[in-house]
Amino acid sequence: MDERIVRIIERHIGAGIPADEARVLGLPDKDYLPLSPEEKIVAYADNLLSGSRLTSFEESLHRFKNLLGIDHPAIERFLKLHKEIEGWKREG
């Protein structure tokens, strides 16, 4: 399988997971942070789904906060990912 596809699959969970959080979750000890535009788009889009239903960013953020806690580092990563992708839309 193409390594780029493998990285997209690995890095799509949440808004990415750094190695220290991956260890706590029982994942192999490495970063799962999306780096390429494709990885970021897939990670972001995956967070806008709840089951098979498309949700808004605000609803997804609320769900993240309820699930992980308002101060969880993933919240900031999701906000950063949102701002970056919104910036691409304004540039285009």
PDB file of N, CA and C in Angstrom:
ATOM      1  N   MET A   1       0.851  -1.173   0.000  1.00  0.00           N
ATOM      2  CA  MET A   1       0.000   0.000   0.000  1.00  0.00           C
ATOM      3  C   MET A   1       0.902   1.244   0.000  1.00  0.00           C
ATOM      4  N   ASP A   2       0.459   2.277  -0.655  1.00  0.00           N
ATOM      5  CA  ASP A   2       1.179   3.545  -0.727  1.00  0.00           C
ATOM      6  C   ASP A   2       1.357   4.115   0.689  1.00  0.00           C
ATOM      7  N   GLU A   3       2.586   4.455   1.046  1.00  0.00           N
ATOM      8  CA  GLU A   3       2.899   4.967   2.387  1.00  0.00           C
ATOM      9  C   GLU A   3       2.132   6.248   2.707  1.00  0.00           C
ATOM     10  N   ARG A   4       1.843   7.071   1.705  1.00  0.00           N
ATOM     11  CA  ARG A   4       1.068   8.297   1.957  1.00  0.00           C
ATOM     12  C   ARG A   4      -0.339   7.961   2.444  1.00  0.00           C
ATOM     13  N   ILE A   5      -0.922   6.927   1.874  1.00  0.00           N
ATOM     14  CA  ILE A   5      -2.265   6.487   2.286  1.00  0.00           C
ATOM     15  C   ILE A   5      -2.216   5.936   3.709  1.00  0.00           C
ATOM     16  N   VAL A   6      -1.184   5.157   4.002  1.00  0.00           N
ATOM     17  CA  VAL A   6      -1.022   4.604   5.343  1.00  0.00           C
ATOM     18  C   VAL A   6      -0.939   5.731   6.371  1.00  0.00           C
ATOM     19  N   ARG A   7      -0.176   6.777   6.089  1.00  0.00           N
ATOM     20  CA  ARG A   7      -0.054   7.905   7.019  1.00  0.00           C
ATOM     21  C   ARG A   7      -1.392   8.623   7.199  1.00  0.00           C
ATOM     22  N   ILE A   8      -2.154   8.784   6.132  1.00  0.00           N
ATOM     23  CA  ILE A   8      -3.478   9.413   6.251  1.00  0.00           C
ATOM     24  C   ILE A   8      -4.356   8.593   7.194  1.00  0.00           C
ATOM     25  N   ILE A   9      -4.332   7.286   7.022  1.00  0.00           N
ATOM     26  CA  ILE A   9      -5.142   6.401   7.867  1.00  0.00           C
ATOM     27  C   ILE A   9      -4.683   6.475   9.318  1.00  0.00           C
ATOM     28  N   GLU A  10      -3.375   6.414   9.540  1.00  0.00           N
ATOM     29  CA  GLU A  10      -2.836   6.469  10.904  1.00  0.00           C
ATOM     30  C   GLU A  10      -3.152   7.775  11.606  1.00  0.00           C
ATOM     31  N   ARG A  11      -3.127   8.859  10.889  1.00  0.00           N
ATOM     32  CA  ARG A  11      -3.178  10.193  11.509  1.00  0.00           C
ATOM     33  C   ARG A  11      -4.551  10.852  11.482  1.00  0.00           C
ATOM     34  N   HIS A  12      -5.587  10.115  11.132  1.00  0.00           N
ATOM     35  CA  HIS A  12      -6.900  10.753  11.014  1.00  0.00           C
ATOM     36  C   HIS A  12      -7.661  10.808  12.332  1.00  0.00           C
ATOM     37  N   ILE A  13      -7.229  10.090  13.340  1.00  0.00           N
ATOM     38  CA  ILE A  13      -8.002   9.994  14.581  1.00  0.00           C
ATOM     39  C   ILE A  13      -7.966  11.309  15.366  1.00  0.00           C
ATOM     40  N   GLY A  14      -9.126  11.734  15.812  1.00  0.00           N
ATOM     41  CA  GLY A  14      -9.220  12.986  16.552  1.00  0.00           C
ATOM     42  C   GLY A  14      -8.667  14.130  15.717  1.00  0.00           C
ATOM     43  N   ALA A  15      -7.869  14.943  16.346  1.00  0.00           N
ATOM     44  CA  ALA A  15      -7.160  16.009  15.619  1.00  0.00           C
ATOM     45  C   ALA A  15      -5.676  15.670  15.618  1.00  0.00           C
ATOM     46  N   GLY A  16      -5.393  14.374  15.711  1.00  0.00           N
ATOM     47  CA  GLY A  16      -4.035  13.876  15.813  1.00  0.00           C
ATOM     48  C   GLY A  16      -3.695  13.556  17.257  1.00  0.00           C
ATOM     49  N   ILE A  17      -2.762  12.649  17.428  1.00  0.00           N
ATOM     50  CA  ILE A  17      -2.365  12.225  18.770  1.00  0.00           C
ATOM     51  C   ILE A  17      -0.843  12.241  18.848  1.00  0.00           C
ATOM     52  N   PRO A  18      -0.280  13.016  19.787  1.00  0.00           N
ATOM     53  CA  PRO A  18       1.172  12.986  19.960  1.00  0.00           C
ATOM     54  C   PRO A  18       1.606  11.688  20.648  1.00  0.00           C
ATOM     55  N   ALA A  19       2.885  11.387  20.564  1.00  0.00           N
ATOM     56  CA  ALA A  19       3.417  10.119  21.073  1.00  0.00           C
ATOM     57  C   ALA A  19       3.085   9.890  22.549  1.00  0.00           C
ATOM     58  N   ASP A  20       3.175  10.930  23.385  1.00  0.00           N
ATOM     59  CA  ASP A  20       2.912  10.729  24.811  1.00  0.00           C
ATOM     60  C   ASP A  20       1.466  10.313  25.068  1.00  0.00           C
ATOM     61  N   GLU A  21       0.517  10.890  24.328  1.00  0.00           N
ATOM     62  CA  GLU A  21      -0.881  10.475  24.460  1.00  0.00           C
ATOM     63  C   GLU A  21      -1.104   9.103  23.852  1.00  0.00           C
ATOM     64  N   ALA A  22      -0.398   8.798  22.770  1.00  0.00           N
ATOM     65  CA  ALA A  22      -0.522   7.486  22.134  1.00  0.00           C
ATOM     66  C   ALA A  22      -0.139   6.385  23.113  1.00  0.00           C
ATOM     67  N   ARG A  23       0.950   6.580  23.863  1.00  0.00           N
ATOM     68  CA  ARG A  23       1.386   5.586  24.860  1.00  0.00           C
ATOM     69  C   ARG A  23       0.291   5.336  25.885  1.00  0.00           C
ATOM     70  N   VAL A  24      -0.314   6.411  26.385  1.00  0.00           N
ATOM     71  CA  VAL A  24      -1.371   6.294  27.392  1.00  0.00           C
ATOM     72  C   VAL A  24      -2.562   5.508  26.829  1.00  0.00           C
ATOM     73  N   LEU A  25      -2.829   5.690  25.543  1.00  0.00           N
ATOM     74  CA  LEU A  25      -3.954   5.008  24.897  1.00  0.00           C
ATOM     75  C   LEU A  25      -3.627   3.584  24.473  1.00  0.00           C
ATOM     76  N   GLY A  26      -2.382   3.176  24.679  1.00  0.00           N
ATOM     77  CA  GLY A  26      -1.976   1.820  24.311  1.00  0.00           C
ATOM     78  C   GLY A  26      -1.597   1.664  22.846  1.00  0.00           C
ATOM     79  N   LEU A  27      -1.371   2.788  22.165  1.00  0.00           N
ATOM     80  CA  LEU A  27      -0.949   2.747  20.764  1.00  0.00           C
ATOM     81  C   LEU A  27       0.569   2.661  20.691  1.00  0.00           C
ATOM     82  N   PRO A  28       1.111   2.209  19.557  1.00  0.00           N
ATOM     83  CA  PRO A  28       2.564   2.231  19.395  1.00  0.00           C
ATOM     84  C   PRO A  28       3.113   3.634  19.653  1.00  0.00           C
ATOM     85  N   ASP A  29       4.296   3.682  20.208  1.00  0.00           N
ATOM     86  CA  ASP A  29       4.926   4.921  20.663  1.00  0.00           C
ATOM     87  C   ASP A  29       5.440   5.745  19.477  1.00  0.00           C
ATOM     88  N   LYS A  30       4.541   6.546  18.901  1.00  0.00           N
ATOM     89  CA  LYS A  30       4.916   7.465  17.828  1.00  0.00           C
ATOM     90  C   LYS A  30       3.835   8.528  17.703  1.00  0.00           C
ATOM     91  N   ASP A  31       4.161   9.593  16.991  1.00  0.00           N
ATOM     92  CA  ASP A  31       3.189  10.660  16.740  1.00  0.00           C
ATOM     93  C   ASP A  31       2.181  10.234  15.684  1.00  0.00           C
ATOM     94  N   TYR A  32       0.936  10.605  15.920  1.00  0.00           N
ATOM     95  CA  TYR A  32      -0.154  10.388  14.966  1.00  0.00           C
ATOM     96  C   TYR A  32      -0.762  11.742  14.597  1.00  0.00           C
ATOM     97  N   LEU A  33       0.087  12.748  14.499  1.00  0.00           N
ATOM     98  CA  LEU A  33      -0.370  14.104  14.177  1.00  0.00           C
ATOM     99  C   LEU A  33      -0.413  14.285  12.662  1.00  0.00           C
ATOM    100  N   PRO A  34      -1.523  14.791  12.128  1.00  0.00           N
ATOM    101  CA  PRO A  34      -1.593  15.015  10.684  1.00  0.00           C
ATOM    102  C   PRO A  34      -0.636  16.132  10.273  1.00  0.00           C
ATOM    103  N   LEU A  35       0.147  15.876   9.243  1.00  0.00           N
ATOM    104  CA  LEU A  35       1.134  16.849   8.790  1.00  0.00           C
ATOM    105  C   LEU A  35       0.849  17.376   7.392  1.00  0.00           C
ATOM    106  N   SER A  36       0.530  16.493   6.469  1.00  0.00           N
ATOM    107  CA  SER A  36       0.284  16.928   5.088  1.00  0.00           C
ATOM    108  C   SER A  36      -1.127  17.505   4.980  1.00  0.00           C
ATOM    109  N   PRO A  37      -1.386  18.315   3.967  1.00  0.00           N
ATOM    110  CA  PRO A  37      -2.749  18.827   3.775  1.00  0.00           C
ATOM    111  C   PRO A  37      -3.779  17.699   3.682  1.00  0.00           C
ATOM    112  N   GLU A  38      -3.433  16.625   3.011  1.00  0.00           N
ATOM    113  CA  GLU A  38      -4.374  15.505   2.868  1.00  0.00           C
ATOM    114  C   GLU A  38      -4.683  14.870   4.224  1.00  0.00           C
ATOM    115  N   GLU A  39      -3.649  14.686   5.039  1.00  0.00           N
ATOM    116  CA  GLU A  39      -3.855  14.113   6.365  1.00  0.00           C
ATOM    117  C   GLU A  39      -4.741  15.024   7.210  1.00  0.00           C
ATOM    118  N   LYS A  40      -4.520  16.321   7.132  1.00  0.00           N
ATOM    119  CA  LYS A  40      -5.296  17.278   7.909  1.00  0.00           C
ATOM    120  C   LYS A  40      -6.753  17.311   7.463  1.00  0.00           C
ATOM    121  N   ILE A  41      -6.982  17.274   6.169  1.00  0.00           N
ATOM    122  CA  ILE A  41      -8.354  17.297   5.642  1.00  0.00           C
ATOM    123  C   ILE A  41      -9.125  16.073   6.108  1.00  0.00           C
ATOM    124  N   VAL A  42      -8.504  14.899   6.022  1.00  0.00           N
ATOM    125  CA  VAL A  42      -9.193  13.668   6.435  1.00  0.00           C
ATOM    126  C   VAL A  42      -9.455  13.683   7.939  1.00  0.00           C
ATOM    127  N   ALA A  43      -8.462  14.098   8.737  1.00  0.00           N
ATOM    128  CA  ALA A  43      -8.653  14.163  10.191  1.00  0.00           C
ATOM    129  C   ALA A  43      -9.794  15.120  10.536  1.00  0.00           C
ATOM    130  N   TYR A  44      -9.802  16.280   9.905  1.00  0.00           N
ATOM    131  CA  TYR A  44     -10.835  17.281  10.180  1.00  0.00           C
ATOM    132  C   TYR A  44     -12.211  16.781   9.753  1.00  0.00           C
ATOM    133  N   ALA A  45     -12.288  16.257   8.552  1.00  0.00           N
ATOM    134  CA  ALA A  45     -13.566  15.777   8.031  1.00  0.00           C
ATOM    135  C   ALA A  45     -14.121  14.647   8.899  1.00  0.00           C
ATOM    136  N   ASP A  46     -13.256  13.777   9.371  1.00  0.00           N
ATOM    137  CA  ASP A  46     -13.695  12.669  10.214  1.00  0.00           C
ATOM    138  C   ASP A  46     -14.345  13.174  11.497  1.00  0.00           C
ATOM    139  N   ASN A  47     -13.874  14.304  12.004  1.00  0.00           N
ATOM    140  CA  ASN A  47     -14.447  14.876  13.222  1.00  0.00           C
ATOM    141  C   ASN A  47     -15.791  15.542  12.987  1.00  0.00           C
ATOM    142  N   LEU A  48     -16.129  15.800  11.750  1.00  0.00           N
ATOM    143  CA  LEU A  48     -17.412  16.434  11.443  1.00  0.00           C
ATOM    144  C   LEU A  48     -18.511  15.411  11.176  1.00  0.00           C
ATOM    145  N   LEU A  49     -18.219  14.165  11.460  1.00  0.00           N
ATOM    146  CA  LEU A  49     -19.218  13.104  11.345  1.00  0.00           C
ATOM    147  C   LEU A  49     -19.531  12.542  12.720  1.00  0.00           C
ATOM    148  N   SER A  50     -20.794  12.296  12.946  1.00  0.00           N
ATOM    149  CA  SER A  50     -21.235  11.609  14.151  1.00  0.00           C
ATOM    150  C   SER A  50     -22.055  10.428  13.665  1.00  0.00           C
ATOM    151  N   GLY A  51     -21.425   9.264  13.624  1.00  0.00           N
ATOM    152  CA  GLY A  51     -22.035   8.120  12.958  1.00  0.00           C
ATOM    153  C   GLY A  51     -22.028   8.401  11.473  1.00  0.00           C
ATOM    154  N   SER A  52     -23.183   8.422  10.869  1.00  0.00           N
ATOM    155  CA  SER A  52     -23.265   8.746   9.443  1.00  0.00           C
ATOM    156  C   SER A  52     -23.813  10.158   9.215  1.00  0.00           C
ATOM    157  N   ARG A  53     -23.962  10.921  10.291  1.00  0.00           N
ATOM    158  CA  ARG A  53     -24.551  12.259  10.214  1.00  0.00           C
ATOM    159  C   ARG A  53     -23.466  13.331  10.214  1.00  0.00           C
ATOM    160  N   LEU A  54     -23.547  14.256   9.261  1.00  0.00           N
ATOM    161  CA  LEU A  54     -22.642  15.399   9.189  1.00  0.00           C
ATOM    162  C   LEU A  54     -23.014  16.400  10.273  1.00  0.00           C
ATOM    163  N   THR A  55     -22.012  16.876  11.010  1.00  0.00           N
ATOM    164  CA  THR A  55     -22.260  17.849  12.069  1.00  0.00           C
ATOM    165  C   THR A  55     -21.458  19.117  11.788  1.00  0.00           C
ATOM    166  N   SER A  56     -21.795  20.170  12.488  1.00  0.00           N
ATOM    167  CA  SER A  56     -21.060  21.426  12.359  1.00  0.00           C
ATOM    168  C   SER A  56     -19.775  21.349  13.179  1.00  0.00           C
ATOM    169  N   PHE A  57     -18.865  22.270  12.911  1.00  0.00           N
ATOM    170  CA  PHE A  57     -17.659  22.361  13.722  1.00  0.00           C
ATOM    171  C   PHE A  57     -18.034  22.592  15.177  1.00  0.00           C
ATOM    172  N   GLU A  58     -18.972  23.495  15.433  1.00  0.00           N
ATOM    173  CA  GLU A  58     -19.367  23.830  16.798  1.00  0.00           C
ATOM    174  C   GLU A  58     -19.913  22.605  17.529  1.00  0.00           C
ATOM    175  N   GLU A  59     -20.736  21.820  16.856  1.00  0.00           N
ATOM    176  CA  GLU A  59     -21.283  20.608  17.471  1.00  0.00           C
ATOM    177  C   GLU A  59     -20.163  19.594  17.751  1.00  0.00           C
ATOM    178  N   SER A  60     -19.242  19.469  16.814  1.00  0.00           N
ATOM    179  CA  SER A  60     -18.120  18.548  16.998  1.00  0.00           C
ATOM    180  C   SER A  60     -17.228  19.001  18.152  1.00  0.00           C
ATOM    181  N   LEU A  61     -16.980  20.303  18.253  1.00  0.00           N
ATOM    182  CA  LEU A  61     -16.175  20.836  19.342  1.00  0.00           C
ATOM    183  C   LEU A  61     -16.855  20.568  20.686  1.00  0.00           C
ATOM    184  N   HIS A  62     -18.151  20.782  20.746  1.00  0.00           N
ATOM    185  CA  HIS A  62     -18.922  20.518  21.960  1.00  0.00           C
ATOM    186  C   HIS A  62     -18.819  19.044  22.351  1.00  0.00           C
ATOM    187  N   ARG A  63     -18.928  18.159  21.357  1.00  0.00           N
ATOM    188  CA  ARG A  63     -18.819  16.712  21.595  1.00  0.00           C
ATOM    189  C   ARG A  63     -17.421  16.372  22.127  1.00  0.00           C
ATOM    190  N   PHE A  64     -16.380  16.948  21.526  1.00  0.00           N
ATOM    191  CA  PHE A  64     -14.995  16.744  21.981  1.00  0.00           C
ATOM    192  C   PHE A  64     -14.857  17.159  23.440  1.00  0.00           C
ATOM    193  N   LYS A  65     -15.356  18.357  23.772  1.00  0.00           N
ATOM    194  CA  LYS A  65     -15.229  18.868  25.136  1.00  0.00           C
ATOM    195  C   LYS A  65     -15.948  17.981  26.138  1.00  0.00           C
ATOM    196  N   ASN A  66     -17.135  17.501  25.780  1.00  0.00           N
ATOM    197  CA  ASN A  66     -17.889  16.618  26.668  1.00  0.00           C
ATOM    198  C   ASN A  66     -17.191  15.277  26.847  1.00  0.00           C
ATOM    199  N   LEU A  67     -16.607  14.771  25.794  1.00  0.00           N
ATOM    200  CA  LEU A  67     -15.959  13.459  25.826  1.00  0.00           C
ATOM    201  C   LEU A  67     -14.613  13.505  26.538  1.00  0.00           C
ATOM    202  N   LEU A  68     -13.813  14.532  26.231  1.00  0.00           N
ATOM    203  CA  LEU A  68     -12.426  14.576  26.703  1.00  0.00           C
ATOM    204  C   LEU A  68     -12.186  15.510  27.882  1.00  0.00           C
ATOM    205  N   GLY A  69     -13.079  16.469  28.068  1.00  0.00           N
ATOM    206  CA  GLY A  69     -12.869  17.508  29.082  1.00  0.00           C
ATOM    207  C   GLY A  69     -12.390  18.777  28.404  1.00  0.00           C
ATOM    208  N   ILE A  70     -12.817  19.890  28.928  1.00  0.00           N
ATOM    209  CA  ILE A  70     -12.585  21.179  28.284  1.00  0.00           C
ATOM    210  C   ILE A  70     -11.099  21.530  28.145  1.00  0.00           C
ATOM    211  N   ASP A  71     -10.260  21.016  29.036  1.00  0.00           N
ATOM    212  CA  ASP A  71      -8.836  21.357  29.030  1.00  0.00           C
ATOM    213  C   ASP A  71      -7.951  20.316  28.352  1.00  0.00           C
ATOM    214  N   HIS A  72      -8.550  19.323  27.742  1.00  0.00           N
ATOM    215  CA  HIS A  72      -7.746  18.275  27.086  1.00  0.00           C
ATOM    216  C   HIS A  72      -6.971  18.886  25.914  1.00  0.00           C
ATOM    217  N   PRO A  73      -5.716  18.498  25.732  1.00  0.00           N
ATOM    218  CA  PRO A  73      -4.910  19.063  24.643  1.00  0.00           C
ATOM    219  C   PRO A  73      -5.505  18.839  23.247  1.00  0.00           C
ATOM    220  N   ALA A  74      -6.316  17.825  23.083  1.00  0.00           N
ATOM    221  CA  ALA A  74      -6.928  17.567  21.767  1.00  0.00           C
ATOM    222  C   ALA A  74      -7.874  18.693  21.360  1.00  0.00           C
ATOM    223  N   ILE A  75      -8.446  19.389  22.343  1.00  0.00           N
ATOM    224  CA  ILE A  75      -9.353  20.499  22.033  1.00  0.00           C
ATOM    225  C   ILE A  75      -8.578  21.590  21.296  1.00  0.00           C
ATOM    226  N   GLU A  76      -7.419  21.945  21.808  1.00  0.00           N
ATOM    227  CA  GLU A  76      -6.599  22.967  21.161  1.00  0.00           C
ATOM    228  C   GLU A  76      -6.139  22.512  19.783  1.00  0.00           C
ATOM    229  N   ARG A  77      -5.794  21.234  19.641  1.00  0.00           N
ATOM    230  CA  ARG A  77      -5.384  20.726  18.321  1.00  0.00           C
ATOM    231  C   ARG A  77      -6.536  20.810  17.328  1.00  0.00           C
ATOM    232  N   PHE A  78      -7.757  20.495  17.779  1.00  0.00           N
ATOM    233  CA  PHE A  78      -8.922  20.573  16.900  1.00  0.00           C
ATOM    234  C   PHE A  78      -9.197  22.019  16.497  1.00  0.00           C
ATOM    235  N   LEU A  79      -9.103  22.948  17.442  1.00  0.00           N
ATOM    236  CA  LEU A  79      -9.287  24.372  17.126  1.00  0.00           C
ATOM    237  C   LEU A  79      -8.239  24.846  16.122  1.00  0.00           C
ATOM    238  N   LYS A  80      -6.995  24.448  16.322  1.00  0.00           N
ATOM    239  CA  LYS A  80      -5.918  24.837  15.413  1.00  0.00           C
ATOM    240  C   LYS A  80      -6.156  24.265  14.015  1.00  0.00           C
ATOM    241  N   LEU A  81      -6.573  23.017  13.949  1.00  0.00           N
ATOM    242  CA  LEU A  81      -6.860  22.394  12.657  1.00  0.00           C
ATOM    243  C   LEU A  81      -8.004  23.120  11.950  1.00  0.00           C
ATOM    244  N   HIS A  82      -9.031  23.467  12.699  1.00  0.00           N
ATOM    245  CA  HIS A  82     -10.174  24.201  12.143  1.00  0.00           C
ATOM    246  C   HIS A  82      -9.728  25.547  11.561  1.00  0.00           C
ATOM    247  N   LYS A  83      -8.945  26.298  12.336  1.00  0.00           N
ATOM    248  CA  LYS A  83      -8.484  27.607  11.876  1.00  0.00           C
ATOM    249  C   LYS A  83      -7.620  27.473  10.621  1.00  0.00           C
ATOM    250  N   GLU A  84      -6.753  26.469  10.597  1.00  0.00           N
ATOM    251  CA  GLU A  84      -5.901  26.277   9.427  1.00  0.00           C
ATOM    252  C   GLU A  84      -6.727  25.966   8.183  1.00  0.00           C
ATOM    253  N   ILE A  85      -7.668  25.069   8.300  1.00  0.00           N
ATOM    254  CA  ILE A  85      -8.477  24.692   7.129  1.00  0.00           C
ATOM    255  C   ILE A  85      -9.386  25.832   6.711  1.00  0.00           C
ATOM    256  N   GLU A  86      -9.955  26.544   7.665  1.00  0.00           N
ATOM    257  CA  GLU A  86     -10.759  27.730   7.321  1.00  0.00           C
ATOM    258  C   GLU A  86      -9.891  28.753   6.580  1.00  0.00           C
ATOM    259  N   GLY A  87      -8.642  28.889   6.966  1.00  0.00           N
ATOM    260  CA  GLY A  87      -7.719  29.802   6.284  1.00  0.00           C
ATOM    261  C   GLY A  87      -7.493  29.407   4.839  1.00  0.00           C
ATOM    262  N   TRP A  88      -7.427  28.114   4.590  1.00  0.00           N
ATOM    263  CA  TRP A  88      -7.264  27.637   3.199  1.00  0.00           C
ATOM    264  C   TRP A  88      -8.471  28.059   2.363  1.00  0.00           C
ATOM    265  N   LYS A  89      -9.663  27.978   2.958  1.00  0.00           N
ATOM    266  CA  LYS A  89     -10.881  28.343   2.219  1.00  0.00           C
ATOM    267  C   LYS A  89     -10.843  29.820   1.845  1.00  0.00           C
ATOM    268  N   ARG A  90     -10.352  30.669   2.743  1.00  0.00           N
ATOM    269  CA  ARG A  90     -10.271  32.103   2.466  1.00  0.00           C
ATOM    270  C   ARG A  90      -9.202  32.411   1.402  1.00  0.00           C
ATOM    271  N   GLU A  91      -8.120  31.617   1.402  1.00  0.00           N
ATOM    272  CA  GLU A  91      -7.043  31.821   0.430  1.00  0.00           C
ATOM    273  C   GLU A  91      -7.478  31.429  -0.980  1.00  0.00           C
ATOM    274  N   GLY A  92      -8.353  30.425  -1.062  1.00  0.00           N
ATOM    275  CA  GLY A  92      -8.771  29.877  -2.355  1.00  0.00           C
ATOM    276  C   GLY A  92      -9.807  30.701  -2.956  1.00  0.00           C
TER     277      GLY A  92
END
